[in-house]
C-alpha cells in the first residue's frame, strides 16, 4: 500500500486499530440491555409488592370475626350520626360517646336534653 502525505497508509485501515472501538460499542449495547432488564425487573418487583400487600390486607380482613366487624361498623355509624347532629365525640373509642357507660336512667335523661338542644 502506498503512503500518503502524512506518512500514514492510504486505503483500508488495519483491523487492530478499530478493535477497541468495536469492543466499546458492544459494551455499550450490553449496558443498554442490562438497563432495560433492570427497569423491567423493578416494575415486576413493584407489581409483586402491590399484589402481596393486597393479599395480606385481604387475609387480615378475612380473619376478623363477624362480631368485630359488626362492632366496628356500629361504632362508625354512631360517630357519623353524632357528627351529623353537630356533636363531636369526646372519646375516640366510642364507649362514652353515646353514654353507654352511664346508667340507663341517666342516659335517657341526657338523651332528652340532647334532643331538646338539637330541636331548638
PDB file of N, CA and C in Angstrom:
ATOM      1  N   UNK A   1       0.830  -1.177   0.000  1.00  0.00           N
ATOM      2  CA  UNK A   1       0.000   0.000   0.000  1.00  0.00           C
ATOM      3  C   UNK A   1       0.877   1.244   0.000  1.00  0.00           C
ATOM      4  N   UNK A   2       0.371   2.238  -0.617  1.00  0.00           N
ATOM      5  CA  UNK A   2       1.144   3.473  -0.726  1.00  0.00           C
ATOM      6  C   UNK A   2       0.891   4.356   0.479  1.00  0.00           C
ATOM      7  N   UNK A   3       1.902   5.087   0.853  1.00  0.00           N
ATOM      8  CA  UNK A   3       1.758   6.020   1.970  1.00  0.00           C
ATOM      9  C   UNK A   3       1.316   7.375   1.427  1.00  0.00           C
ATOM     10  N   UNK A   4       0.491   8.056   2.243  1.00  0.00           N
ATOM     11  CA  UNK A   4       0.021   9.374   1.862  1.00  0.00           C
ATOM     12  C   UNK A   4       1.015  10.444   2.263  1.00  0.00           C
ATOM     13  N   UNK A   5       0.602  11.704   2.193  1.00  0.00           N
ATOM     14  CA  UNK A   5       1.467  12.835   2.512  1.00  0.00           C
ATOM     15  C   UNK A   5       1.818  12.866   3.992  1.00  0.00           C
ATOM     16  N   UNK A   6       0.940  12.348   4.840  1.00  0.00           N
ATOM     17  CA  UNK A   6       1.167  12.389   6.289  1.00  0.00           C
ATOM     18  C   UNK A   6       2.058  11.253   6.748  1.00  0.00           C
ATOM     19  N   UNK A   7       2.330  10.356   5.912  1.00  0.00           N
ATOM     20  CA  UNK A   7       3.136   9.227   6.298  1.00  0.00           C
ATOM     21  C   UNK A   7       2.288   8.049   6.729  1.00  0.00           C
ATOM     22  N   UNK A   8       0.956   8.186   6.647  1.00  0.00           N
ATOM     23  CA  UNK A   8       0.071   7.076   7.009  1.00  0.00           C
ATOM     24  C   UNK A   8      -0.280   6.300   5.759  1.00  0.00           C
ATOM     25  N   UNK A   9      -0.662   5.092   5.968  1.00  0.00           N
ATOM     26  CA  UNK A   9      -1.048   4.271   4.829  1.00  0.00           C
ATOM     27  C   UNK A   9      -2.401   4.704   4.323  1.00  0.00           C
ATOM     28  N   UNK A  10      -2.557   4.777   3.061  1.00  0.00           N
ATOM     29  CA  UNK A  10      -3.861   5.069   2.493  1.00  0.00           C
ATOM     30  C   UNK A  10      -4.533   3.750   2.143  1.00  0.00           C
ATOM     31  N   UNK A  11      -5.846   3.776   2.088  1.00  0.00           N
ATOM     32  CA  UNK A  11      -6.566   2.555   1.761  1.00  0.00           C
ATOM     33  C   UNK A  11      -7.251   1.990   2.991  1.00  0.00           C
ATOM     34  N   UNK A  12      -7.335   0.699   3.032  1.00  0.00           N
ATOM     35  CA  UNK A  12      -8.069   0.000   4.100  1.00  0.00           C
ATOM     36  C   UNK A  12      -7.307   0.099   5.430  1.00  0.00           C
ATOM     37  N   UNK A  13      -8.003   0.553   6.524  1.00  0.00           N
ATOM     38  CA  UNK A  13      -7.321   0.631   7.822  1.00  0.00           C
ATOM     39  C   UNK A  13      -7.079  -0.772   8.371  1.00  0.00           C
ATOM     40  N   UNK A  14      -6.105  -0.848   9.206  1.00  0.00           N
ATOM     41  CA  UNK A  14      -5.793  -2.139   9.809  1.00  0.00           C
ATOM     42  C   UNK A  14      -6.912  -2.540  10.772  1.00  0.00           C
ATOM     43  N   UNK A  15      -7.158  -3.831  10.879  1.00  0.00           N
ATOM     44  CA  UNK A  15      -8.222  -4.324  11.765  1.00  0.00           C
ATOM     45  C   UNK A  15      -7.907  -4.031  13.229  1.00  0.00           C
ATOM     46  N   UNK A  16      -6.681  -4.024  13.611  1.00  0.00           N
ATOM     47  CA  UNK A  16      -6.304  -3.810  15.000  1.00  0.00           C
ATOM     48  C   UNK A  16      -6.571  -2.413  15.501  1.00  0.00           C
ATOM     49  N   UNK A  17      -6.656  -1.444  14.593  1.00  0.00           N
ATOM     50  CA  UNK A  17      -6.889  -0.060  15.005  1.00  0.00           C
ATOM     51  C   UNK A  17      -8.289   0.153  15.583  1.00  0.00           C
ATOM     52  N   UNK A  18      -9.294  -0.467  15.026  1.00  0.00           N
ATOM     53  CA  UNK A  18     -10.684  -0.209  15.413  1.00  0.00           C
ATOM     54  C   UNK A  18     -11.244  -1.232  16.395  1.00  0.00           C
ATOM     55  N   UNK A  19     -10.475  -2.230  16.734  1.00  0.00           N
ATOM     56  CA  UNK A  19     -10.969  -3.233  17.686  1.00  0.00           C
ATOM     57  C   UNK A  19     -11.413  -2.631  19.025  1.00  0.00           C
ATOM     58  N   UNK A  20     -10.685  -1.738  19.635  1.00  0.00           N
ATOM     59  CA  UNK A  20     -11.161  -1.163  20.910  1.00  0.00           C
ATOM     60  C   UNK A  20     -12.494  -0.426  20.762  1.00  0.00           C
ATOM     61  N   UNK A  21     -12.698   0.249  19.646  1.00  0.00           N
ATOM     62  CA  UNK A  21     -13.947   0.969  19.435  1.00  0.00           C
ATOM     63  C   UNK A  21     -15.116   0.006  19.249  1.00  0.00           C
ATOM     64  N   UNK A  22     -14.881  -1.064  18.504  1.00  0.00           N
ATOM     65  CA  UNK A  22     -15.926  -2.078  18.332  1.00  0.00           C
ATOM     66  C   UNK A  22     -16.269  -2.710  19.684  1.00  0.00           C
ATOM     67  N   UNK A  23     -15.262  -2.954  20.480  1.00  0.00           N
ATOM     68  CA  UNK A  23     -15.477  -3.522  21.821  1.00  0.00           C
ATOM     69  C   UNK A  23     -16.273  -2.549  22.686  1.00  0.00           C
ATOM     70  N   UNK A  24     -15.941  -1.256  22.581  1.00  0.00           N
ATOM     71  CA  UNK A  24     -16.667  -0.234  23.338  1.00  0.00           C
ATOM     72  C   UNK A  24     -18.139  -0.190  22.925  1.00  0.00           C
ATOM     73  N   UNK A  25     -18.388  -0.272  21.629  1.00  0.00           N
ATOM     74  CA  UNK A  25     -19.774  -0.266  21.139  1.00  0.00           C
ATOM     75  C   UNK A  25     -20.527  -1.494  21.643  1.00  0.00           C
ATOM     76  N   UNK A  26     -19.898  -2.646  21.641  1.00  0.00           N
ATOM     77  CA  UNK A  26     -20.534  -3.867  22.151  1.00  0.00           C
ATOM     78  C   UNK A  26     -20.838  -3.740  23.641  1.00  0.00           C
ATOM     79  N   UNK A  27     -19.896  -3.161  24.395  1.00  0.00           N
ATOM     80  CA  UNK A  27     -20.140  -2.964  25.833  1.00  0.00           C
ATOM     81  C   UNK A  27     -21.290  -1.997  26.077  1.00  0.00           C
ATOM     82  N   UNK A  28     -21.386  -0.957  25.254  1.00  0.00           N
ATOM     83  CA  UNK A  28     -22.493  -0.013  25.387  1.00  0.00           C
ATOM     84  C   UNK A  28     -23.830  -0.685  25.093  1.00  0.00           C
ATOM     85  N   UNK A  29     -23.859  -1.547  24.087  1.00  0.00           N
ATOM     86  CA  UNK A  29     -25.086  -2.287  23.766  1.00  0.00           C
ATOM     87  C   UNK A  29     -25.471  -3.205  24.931  1.00  0.00           C
ATOM     88  N   UNK A  30     -24.474  -3.860  25.519  1.00  0.00           N
ATOM     89  CA  UNK A  30     -24.752  -4.726  26.669  1.00  0.00           C
ATOM     90  C   UNK A  30     -25.274  -3.918  27.848  1.00  0.00           C
ATOM     91  N   UNK A  31     -24.705  -2.724  28.058  1.00  0.00           N
ATOM     92  CA  UNK A  31     -25.174  -1.874  29.152  1.00  0.00           C
ATOM     93  C   UNK A  31     -26.623  -1.451  28.928  1.00  0.00           C
ATOM     94  N   UNK A  32     -26.976  -1.102  27.715  1.00  0.00           N
ATOM     95  CA  UNK A  32     -28.355  -0.711  27.401  1.00  0.00           C
ATOM     96  C   UNK A  32     -29.305  -1.874  27.669  1.00  0.00           C
ATOM     97  N   UNK A  33     -28.903  -3.079  27.257  1.00  0.00           N
ATOM     98  CA  UNK A  33     -29.738  -4.259  27.516  1.00  0.00           C
ATOM     99  C   UNK A  33     -29.905  -4.492  29.016  1.00  0.00           C
ATOM    100  N   UNK A  34     -28.825  -4.352  29.765  1.00  0.00           N
ATOM    101  CA  UNK A  34     -28.906  -4.556  31.215  1.00  0.00           C
ATOM    102  C   UNK A  34     -29.769  -3.495  31.882  1.00  0.00           C
ATOM    103  N   UNK A  35     -29.690  -2.262  31.410  1.00  0.00           N
ATOM    104  CA  UNK A  35     -30.521  -1.189  31.964  1.00  0.00           C
ATOM    105  C   UNK A  35     -31.996  -1.489  31.721  1.00  0.00           C
ATOM    106  N   UNK A  36     -32.323  -1.969  30.516  1.00  0.00           N
ATOM    107  CA  UNK A  36     -33.713  -2.313  30.211  1.00  0.00           C
ATOM    108  C   UNK A  36     -34.183  -3.494  31.050  1.00  0.00           C
ATOM    109  N   UNK A  37     -33.332  -4.490  31.220  1.00  0.00           N
ATOM    110  CA  UNK A  37     -33.693  -5.634  32.072  1.00  0.00           C
ATOM    111  C   UNK A  37     -33.905  -5.189  33.514  1.00  0.00           C
ATOM    112  N   UNK A  38     -33.069  -4.278  33.993  1.00  0.00           N
ATOM    113  CA  UNK A  38     -33.205  -3.776  35.355  1.00  0.00           C
ATOM    114  C   UNK A  38     -34.521  -3.018  35.530  1.00  0.00           C
ATOM    115  N   UNK A  39     -34.878  -2.196  34.542  1.00  0.00           N
ATOM    116  CA  UNK A  39     -36.139  -1.457  34.611  1.00  0.00           C
ATOM    117  C   UNK A  39     -37.324  -2.421  34.626  1.00  0.00           C
ATOM    118  N   UNK A  40     -37.273  -3.458  33.795  1.00  0.00           N
ATOM    119  CA  UNK A  40     -38.352  -4.462  33.782  1.00  0.00           C
ATOM    120  C   UNK A  40     -38.433  -5.185  35.118  1.00  0.00           C
ATOM    121  N   UNK A  41     -37.278  -5.531  35.680  1.00  0.00           N
ATOM    122  CA  UNK A  41     -37.264  -6.232  36.964  1.00  0.00           C
ATOM    123  C   UNK A  41     -37.837  -5.346  38.072  1.00  0.00           C
ATOM    124  N   UNK A  42     -37.526  -4.047  38.040  1.00  0.00           N
ATOM    125  CA  UNK A  42     -38.076  -3.125  39.047  1.00  0.00           C
ATOM    126  C   UNK A  42     -39.597  -3.045  38.933  1.00  0.00           C
ATOM    127  N   UNK A  43     -40.104  -2.966  37.701  1.00  0.00           N
ATOM    128  CA  UNK A  43     -41.562  -2.912  37.515  1.00  0.00           C
ATOM    129  C   UNK A  43     -42.224  -4.193  38.017  1.00  0.00           C
ATOM    130  N   UNK A  44     -41.629  -5.339  37.695  1.00  0.00           N
ATOM    131  CA  UNK A  44     -42.190  -6.607  38.162  1.00  0.00           C
ATOM    132  C   UNK A  44     -42.146  -6.698  39.681  1.00  0.00           C
ATOM    133  N   UNK A  45     -41.065  -6.219  40.278  1.00  0.00           N
ATOM    134  CA  UNK A  45     -40.931  -6.246  41.741  1.00  0.00           C
ATOM    135  C   UNK A  45     -41.997  -5.367  42.392  1.00  0.00           C
ATOM    136  N   UNK A  46     -42.216  -4.172  41.835  1.00  0.00           N
ATOM    137  CA  UNK A  46     -43.242  -3.275  42.375  1.00  0.00           C
ATOM    138  C   UNK A  46     -44.625  -3.905  42.248  1.00  0.00           C
ATOM    139  N   UNK A  47     -44.893  -4.555  41.116  1.00  0.00           N
ATOM    140  CA  UNK A  47     -46.196  -5.212  40.926  1.00  0.00           C
ATOM    141  C   UNK A  47     -46.380  -6.347  41.926  1.00  0.00           C
ATOM    142  N   UNK A  48     -45.318  -7.115  42.170  1.00  0.00           N
ATOM    143  CA  UNK A  48     -45.408  -8.204  43.159  1.00  0.00           C
ATOM    144  C   UNK A  48     -45.614  -7.660  44.564  1.00  0.00           C
ATOM    145  N   UNK A  49     -44.946  -6.542  44.896  1.00  0.00           N
ATOM    146  CA  UNK A  49     -45.155  -5.929  46.216  1.00  0.00           C
ATOM    147  C   UNK A  49     -46.601  -5.498  46.407  1.00  0.00           C
ATOM    148  N   UNK A  50     -47.168  -4.858  45.377  1.00  0.00           N
ATOM    149  CA  UNK A  50     -48.567  -4.421  45.461  1.00  0.00           C
ATOM    150  C   UNK A  50     -49.502  -5.618  45.608  1.00  0.00           C
ATOM    151  N   UNK A  51     -49.243  -6.663  44.850  1.00  0.00           N
ATOM    152  CA  UNK A  51     -50.080  -7.864  44.944  1.00  0.00           C
ATOM    153  C   UNK A  51     -49.983  -8.475  46.332  1.00  0.00           C
ATOM    154  N   UNK A  52     -48.781  -8.540  46.873  1.00  0.00           N
ATOM    155  CA  UNK A  52     -48.591  -9.079  48.216  1.00  0.00           C
ATOM    156  C   UNK A  52     -49.324  -8.239  49.251  1.00  0.00           C
ATOM    157  N   UNK A  53     -49.239  -6.921  49.115  1.00  0.00           N
ATOM    158  CA  UNK A  53     -49.925  -6.037  50.059  1.00  0.00           C
ATOM    159  C   UNK A  53     -51.443  -6.251  49.997  1.00  0.00           C
ATOM    160  N   UNK A  54     -51.978  -6.378  48.778  1.00  0.00           N
ATOM    161  CA  UNK A  54     -53.424  -6.623  48.646  1.00  0.00           C
ATOM    162  C   UNK A  54     -53.820  -7.957  49.273  1.00  0.00           C
ATOM    163  N   UNK A  55     -53.007  -8.988  49.054  1.00  0.00           N
ATOM    164  CA  UNK A  55     -53.331 -10.305  49.605  1.00  0.00           C
ATOM    165  C   UNK A  55     -53.242 -10.309  51.131  1.00  0.00           C
ATOM    166  N   UNK A  56     -52.243  -9.632  51.683  1.00  0.00           N
ATOM    167  CA  UNK A  56     -52.113  -9.566  53.140  1.00  0.00           C
ATOM    168  C   UNK A  56     -53.288  -8.794  53.730  1.00  0.00           C
ATOM    169  N   UNK A  57     -53.674  -7.704  53.073  1.00  0.00           N
ATOM    170  CA  UNK A  57     -54.818  -6.927  53.556  1.00  0.00           C
ATOM    171  C   UNK A  57     -56.102  -7.752  53.495  1.00  0.00           C
ATOM    172  N   UNK A  58     -56.292  -8.489  52.421  1.00  0.00           N
ATOM    173  CA  UNK A  58     -57.483  -9.331  52.301  1.00  0.00           C
ATOM    174  C   UNK A  58     -57.472 -10.424  53.362  1.00  0.00           C
ATOM    175  N   UNK A  59     -56.302 -10.979  53.627  1.00  0.00           N
ATOM    176  CA  UNK A  59     -56.195 -12.010  54.655  1.00  0.00           C
ATOM    177  C   UNK A  59     -56.507 -11.438  56.034  1.00  0.00           C
ATOM    178  N   UNK A  60     -56.011 -10.233  56.302  1.00  0.00           N
ATOM    179  CA  UNK A  60     -56.286  -9.596  57.598  1.00  0.00           C
ATOM    180  C   UNK A  60     -57.775  -9.310  57.746  1.00  0.00           C
ATOM    181  N   UNK A  61     -58.411  -8.890  56.660  1.00  0.00           N
ATOM    182  CA  UNK A  61     -59.854  -8.622  56.720  1.00  0.00           C
ATOM    183  C   UNK A  61     -60.642  -9.902  56.973  1.00  0.00           C
ATOM    184  N   UNK A  62     -60.225 -10.977  56.342  1.00  0.00           N
ATOM    185  CA  UNK A  62     -60.981 -12.217  56.460  1.00  0.00           C
ATOM    186  C   UNK A  62     -60.822 -12.842  57.841  1.00  0.00           C
ATOM    187  N   UNK A  63     -59.751 -12.513  58.537  1.00  0.00           N
ATOM    188  CA  UNK A  63     -59.540 -13.103  59.859  1.00  0.00           C
ATOM    189  C   UNK A  63     -60.322 -12.411  60.960  1.00  0.00           C
ATOM    190  N   UNK A  64     -60.808 -11.216  60.680  1.00  0.00           N
ATOM    191  CA  UNK A  64     -61.622 -10.550  61.703  1.00  0.00           C
ATOM    192  C   UNK A  64     -62.960 -11.270  61.787  1.00  0.00           C
ATOM    193  N   UNK A  65     -63.404 -11.469  62.986  1.00  0.00           N
ATOM    194  CA  UNK A  65     -64.657 -12.198  63.166  1.00  0.00           C
ATOM    195  C   UNK A  65     -65.848 -11.287  62.854  1.00  0.00           C
ATOM    196  N   UNK A  66     -66.977 -11.900  62.656  1.00  0.00           N
ATOM    197  CA  UNK A  66     -68.192 -11.162  62.344  1.00  0.00           C
ATOM    198  C   UNK A  66     -68.570 -10.193  63.467  1.00  0.00           C
ATOM    199  N   UNK A  67     -68.534 -10.611  64.741  1.00  0.00           N
ATOM    200  CA  UNK A  67     -68.871  -9.639  65.788  1.00  0.00           C
ATOM    201  C   UNK A  67     -67.938  -8.424  65.798  1.00  0.00           C
ATOM    202  N   UNK A  68     -66.658  -8.629  65.535  1.00  0.00           N
ATOM    203  CA  UNK A  68     -65.734  -7.491  65.491  1.00  0.00           C
ATOM    204  C   UNK A  68     -66.079  -6.536  64.358  1.00  0.00           C
ATOM    205  N   UNK A  69     -66.385  -7.103  63.187  1.00  0.00           N
ATOM    206  CA  UNK A  69     -66.735  -6.250  62.059  1.00  0.00           C
ATOM    207  C   UNK A  69     -68.034  -5.500  62.324  1.00  0.00           C
ATOM    208  N   UNK A  70     -69.007  -6.173  62.929  1.00  0.00           N
ATOM    209  CA  UNK A  70     -70.276  -5.504  63.240  1.00  0.00           C
ATOM    210  C   UNK A  70     -70.078  -4.405  64.273  1.00  0.00           C
ATOM    211  N   UNK A  71     -69.245  -4.673  65.274  1.00  0.00           N
ATOM    212  CA  UNK A  71     -68.968  -3.676  66.314  1.00  0.00           C
ATOM    213  C   UNK A  71     -68.301  -2.445  65.700  1.00  0.00           C
ATOM    214  N   UNK A  72     -67.341  -2.669  64.810  1.00  0.00           N
ATOM    215  CA  UNK A  72     -66.660  -1.551  64.161  1.00  0.00           C
ATOM    216  C   UNK A  72     -67.618  -0.763  63.272  1.00  0.00           C
ATOM    217  N   UNK A  73     -68.474  -1.463  62.565  1.00  0.00           N
ATOM    218  CA  UNK A  73     -69.450  -0.779  61.710  1.00  0.00           C
ATOM    219  C   UNK A  73     -70.423   0.042  62.542  1.00  0.00           C
ATOM    220  N   UNK A  74     -70.885  -0.526  63.645  1.00  0.00           N
ATOM    221  CA  UNK A  74     -71.819   0.191  64.511  1.00  0.00           C
ATOM    222  C   UNK A  74     -71.143   1.415  65.128  1.00  0.00           C
ATOM    223  N   UNK A  75     -69.900   1.278  65.553  1.00  0.00           N
ATOM    224  CA  UNK A  75     -69.184   2.407  66.135  1.00  0.00           C
ATOM    225  C   UNK A  75     -69.016   3.517  65.102  1.00  0.00           C
ATOM    226  N   UNK A  76     -68.686   3.145  63.870  1.00  0.00           N
ATOM    227  CA  UNK A  76     -68.551   4.147  62.811  1.00  0.00           C
ATOM    228  C   UNK A  76     -69.872   4.839  62.522  1.00  0.00           C
ATOM    229  N   UNK A  77     -70.971   4.067  62.538  1.00  0.00           N
ATOM    230  CA  UNK A  77     -72.288   4.642  62.302  1.00  0.00           C
ATOM    231  C   UNK A  77     -72.664   5.623  63.399  1.00  0.00           C
ATOM    232  N   UNK A  78     -72.405   5.246  64.646  1.00  0.00           N
ATOM    233  CA  UNK A  78     -72.723   6.129  65.770  1.00  0.00           C
ATOM    234  C   UNK A  78     -71.911   7.418  65.669  1.00  0.00           C
ATOM    235  N   UNK A  79     -70.640   7.302  65.327  1.00  0.00           N
ATOM    236  CA  UNK A  79     -69.801   8.503  65.192  1.00  0.00           C
ATOM    237  C   UNK A  79     -70.323   9.412  64.088  1.00  0.00           C
ATOM    238  N   UNK A  80     -70.696   8.810  62.949  1.00  0.00           N
ATOM    239  CA  UNK A  80     -71.219   9.624  61.856  1.00  0.00           C
ATOM    240  C   UNK A  80     -72.521  10.309  62.249  1.00  0.00           C
ATOM    241  N   UNK A  81     -73.387   9.592  62.968  1.00  0.00           N
ATOM    242  CA  UNK A  81     -74.650  10.192  63.390  1.00  0.00           C
ATOM    243  C   UNK A  81     -74.416  11.350  64.346  1.00  0.00           C
ATOM    244  N   UNK A  82     -73.491  11.196  65.275  1.00  0.00           N
ATOM    245  CA  UNK A  82     -73.200  12.267  66.211  1.00  0.00           C
ATOM    246  C   UNK A  82     -72.617  13.474  65.493  1.00  0.00           C
ATOM    247  N   UNK A  83     -71.729  13.246  64.551  1.00  0.00           N
ATOM    248  CA  UNK A  83     -71.156  14.374  63.804  1.00  0.00           C
ATOM    249  C   UNK A  83     -72.226  15.060  62.964  1.00  0.00           C
ATOM    250  N   UNK A  84     -73.127  14.257  62.412  1.00  0.00           N
ATOM    251  CA  UNK A  84     -74.196  14.811  61.582  1.00  0.00           C
ATOM    252  C   UNK A  84     -75.122  15.704  62.398  1.00  0.00           C
ATOM    253  N   UNK A  85     -75.339  15.355  63.664  1.00  0.00           N
ATOM    254  CA  UNK A  85     -76.210  16.133  64.542  1.00  0.00           C
ATOM    255  C   UNK A  85     -75.465  17.259  65.238  1.00  0.00           C
ATOM    256  N   UNK A  86     -74.201  17.465  64.901  1.00  0.00           N
ATOM    257  CA  UNK A  86     -73.465  18.586  65.461  1.00  0.00           C
ATOM    258  C   UNK A  86     -72.731  18.274  66.745  1.00  0.00           C
ATOM    259  N   UNK A  87     -72.638  17.035  67.147  1.00  0.00           N
ATOM    260  CA  UNK A  87     -71.924  16.659  68.364  1.00  0.00           C
ATOM    261  C   UNK A  87     -70.585  16.055  67.991  1.00  0.00           C
ATOM    262  N   UNK A  88     -69.549  16.514  68.666  1.00  0.00           N
ATOM    263  CA  UNK A  88     -68.237  15.913  68.473  1.00  0.00           C
ATOM    264  C   UNK A  88     -68.055  14.833  69.526  1.00  0.00           C
ATOM    265  N   UNK A  89     -67.599  13.668  69.134  1.00  0.00           N
ATOM    266  CA  UNK A  89     -67.366  12.606  70.114  1.00  0.00           C
ATOM    267  C   UNK A  89     -66.259  13.016  71.089  1.00  0.00           C
ATOM    268  N   UNK A  90     -66.460  12.685  72.359  1.00  0.00           N
ATOM    269  CA  UNK A  90     -65.476  13.027  73.376  1.00  0.00           C
ATOM    270  C   UNK A  90     -64.415  11.951  73.488  1.00  0.00           C
ATOM    271  N   UNK A  91     -64.788  10.724  73.198  1.00  0.00           N
ATOM    272  CA  UNK A  91     -63.873   9.597  73.337  1.00  0.00           C
ATOM    273  C   UNK A  91     -63.802   8.870  71.999  1.00  0.00           C
ATOM    274  N   UNK A  92     -62.607   8.675  71.504  1.00  0.00           N
ATOM    275  CA  UNK A  92     -62.458   8.038  70.200  1.00  0.00           C
ATOM    276  C   UNK A  92     -62.872   6.577  70.214  1.00  0.00           C
ATOM    277  N   UNK A  93     -62.863   5.951  71.375  1.00  0.00           N
ATOM    278  CA  UNK A  93     -63.216   4.530  71.445  1.00  0.00           C
ATOM    279  C   UNK A  93     -64.719   4.321  71.344  1.00  0.00           C
ATOM    280  N   UNK A  94     -65.511   5.327  71.640  1.00  0.00           N
ATOM    281  CA  UNK A  94     -66.941   5.230  71.444  1.00  0.00           C
ATOM    282  C   UNK A  94     -67.741   4.792  72.665  1.00  0.00           C
ATOM    283  N   UNK A  95     -67.112   4.449  73.778  1.00  0.00           N
ATOM    284  CA  UNK A  95     -67.864   3.967  74.933  1.00  0.00           C
ATOM    285  C   UNK A  95     -68.667   5.093  75.561  1.00  0.00           C
ATOM    286  N   UNK A  96     -68.051   6.251  75.774  1.00  0.00           N
ATOM    287  CA  UNK A  96     -68.775   7.334  76.413  1.00  0.00           C
ATOM    288  C   UNK A  96     -69.397   8.277  75.396  1.00  0.00           C
ATOM    289  N   UNK A  97     -69.175   8.043  74.116  1.00  0.00           N
ATOM    290  CA  UNK A  97     -69.754   8.905  73.096  1.00  0.00           C
ATOM    291  C   UNK A  97     -71.270   8.849  73.169  1.00  0.00           C
ATOM    292  N   UNK A  98     -71.804   7.667  73.229  1.00  0.00           N
ATOM    293  CA  UNK A  98     -73.254   7.516  73.275  1.00  0.00           C
ATOM    294  C   UNK A  98     -73.757   7.376  74.704  1.00  0.00           C
ATOM    295  N   UNK A  99     -72.884   7.503  75.686  1.00  0.00           N
ATOM    296  CA  UNK A  99     -73.289   7.401  77.071  1.00  0.00           C
ATOM    297  C   UNK A  99     -73.507   5.978  77.526  1.00  0.00           C
ATOM    298  N   UNK A 100     -72.857   5.009  76.887  1.00  0.00           N
ATOM    299  CA  UNK A 100     -73.088   3.610  77.240  1.00  0.00           C
ATOM    300  C   UNK A 100     -72.565   3.278  78.625  1.00  0.00           C
ATOM    301  N   UNK A 101     -71.637   4.057  79.122  1.00  0.00           N
ATOM    302  CA  UNK A 101     -71.109   3.770  80.458  1.00  0.00           C
ATOM    303  C   UNK A 101     -72.017   4.314  81.553  1.00  0.00           C
ATOM    304  N   UNK A 102     -72.982   5.149  81.201  1.00  0.00           N
ATOM    305  CA  UNK A 102     -73.903   5.708  82.190  1.00  0.00           C
ATOM    306  C   UNK A 102     -75.048   4.742  82.460  1.00  0.00           C
ATOM    307  N   UNK A 103     -75.654   4.854  83.643  1.00  0.00           N
ATOM    308  CA  UNK A 103     -76.856   4.047  83.898  1.00  0.00           C
ATOM    309  C   UNK A 103     -77.971   4.434  82.935  1.00  0.00           C
ATOM    310  N   UNK A 104     -78.917   3.510  82.755  1.00  0.00           N
ATOM    311  CA  UNK A 104     -79.984   3.696  81.780  1.00  0.00           C
ATOM    312  C   UNK A 104     -80.803   4.954  82.063  1.00  0.00           C
ATOM    313  N   UNK A 105     -81.088   5.221  83.331  1.00  0.00           N
ATOM    314  CA  UNK A 105     -81.904   6.384  83.686  1.00  0.00           C
ATOM    315  C   UNK A 105     -81.185   7.673  83.286  1.00  0.00           C
ATOM    316  N   UNK A 106     -79.885   7.733  83.565  1.00  0.00           N
ATOM    317  CA  UNK A 106     -79.134   8.939  83.211  1.00  0.00           C
ATOM    318  C   UNK A 106     -78.995   9.074  81.701  1.00  0.00           C
ATOM    319  N   UNK A 107     -78.864   7.958  80.995  1.00  0.00           N
ATOM    320  CA  UNK A 107     -78.760   8.011  79.540  1.00  0.00           C
ATOM    321  C   UNK A 107     -80.035   8.589  78.949  1.00  0.00           C
ATOM    322  N   UNK A 108     -81.198   8.146  79.449  1.00  0.00           N
ATOM    323  CA  UNK A 108     -82.470   8.638  78.927  1.00  0.00           C
ATOM    324  C   UNK A 108     -82.641  10.119  79.204  1.00  0.00           C
ATOM    325  N   UNK A 109     -82.253  10.552  80.398  1.00  0.00           N
ATOM    326  CA  UNK A 109     -82.411  11.975  80.716  1.00  0.00           C
ATOM    327  C   UNK A 109     -81.449  12.809  79.884  1.00  0.00           C
ATOM    328  N   UNK A 110     -80.231  12.343  79.677  1.00  0.00           N
ATOM    329  CA  UNK A 110     -79.290  13.116  78.858  1.00  0.00           C
ATOM    330  C   UNK A 110     -79.706  13.092  77.395  1.00  0.00           C
ATOM    331  N   UNK A 111     -80.360  12.030  76.957  1.00  0.00           N
ATOM    332  CA  UNK A 111     -80.823  11.958  75.573  1.00  0.00           C
ATOM    333  C   UNK A 111     -81.926  12.958  75.345  1.00  0.00           C
ATOM    334  N   UNK A 112     -82.826  13.117  76.308  1.00  0.00           N
ATOM    335  CA  UNK A 112     -83.905  14.101  76.113  1.00  0.00           C
ATOM    336  C   UNK A 112     -83.340  15.505  76.133  1.00  0.00           C
ATOM    337  N   UNK A 113     -82.314  15.754  76.937  1.00  0.00           N
ATOM    338  CA  UNK A 113     -81.697  17.079  76.963  1.00  0.00           C
ATOM    339  C   UNK A 113     -81.002  17.341  75.628  1.00  0.00           C
ATOM    340  N   UNK A 114     -80.331  16.324  75.084  1.00  0.00           N
ATOM    341  CA  UNK A 114     -79.650  16.496  73.802  1.00  0.00           C
ATOM    342  C   UNK A 114     -80.658  16.702  72.685  1.00  0.00           C
ATOM    343  N   UNK A 115     -81.753  15.962  72.712  1.00  0.00           N
ATOM    344  CA  UNK A 115     -82.774  16.124  71.679  1.00  0.00           C
ATOM    345  C   UNK A 115     -83.389  17.523  71.739  1.00  0.00           C
ATOM    346  N   UNK A 116     -83.623  18.002  72.937  1.00  0.00           N
ATOM    347  CA  UNK A 116     -84.207  19.338  73.084  1.00  0.00           C
ATOM    348  C   UNK A 116     -83.256  20.389  72.537  1.00  0.00           C
ATOM    349  N   UNK A 117     -81.952  20.216  72.793  1.00  0.00           N
ATOM    350  CA  UNK A 117     -80.995  21.218  72.298  1.00  0.00           C
ATOM    351  C   UNK A 117     -80.822  21.109  70.785  1.00  0.00           C
ATOM    352  N   UNK A 118     -80.991  19.936  70.217  1.00  0.00           N
ATOM    353  CA  UNK A 118     -80.871  19.764  68.780  1.00  0.00           C
ATOM    354  C   UNK A 118     -82.102  20.370  68.084  1.00  0.00           C
ATOM    355  N   UNK A 119     -83.271  20.199  68.664  1.00  0.00           N
ATOM    356  CA  UNK A 119     -84.504  20.688  68.047  1.00  0.00           C
ATOM    357  C   UNK A 119     -84.622  22.205  68.128  1.00  0.00           C
ATOM    358  N   UNK A 120     -83.942  22.828  69.070  1.00  0.00           N
ATOM    359  CA  UNK A 120     -84.088  24.278  69.225  1.00  0.00           C
ATOM    360  C   UNK A 120     -83.185  25.055  68.294  1.00  0.00           C
TER     361      UNK A 120
END
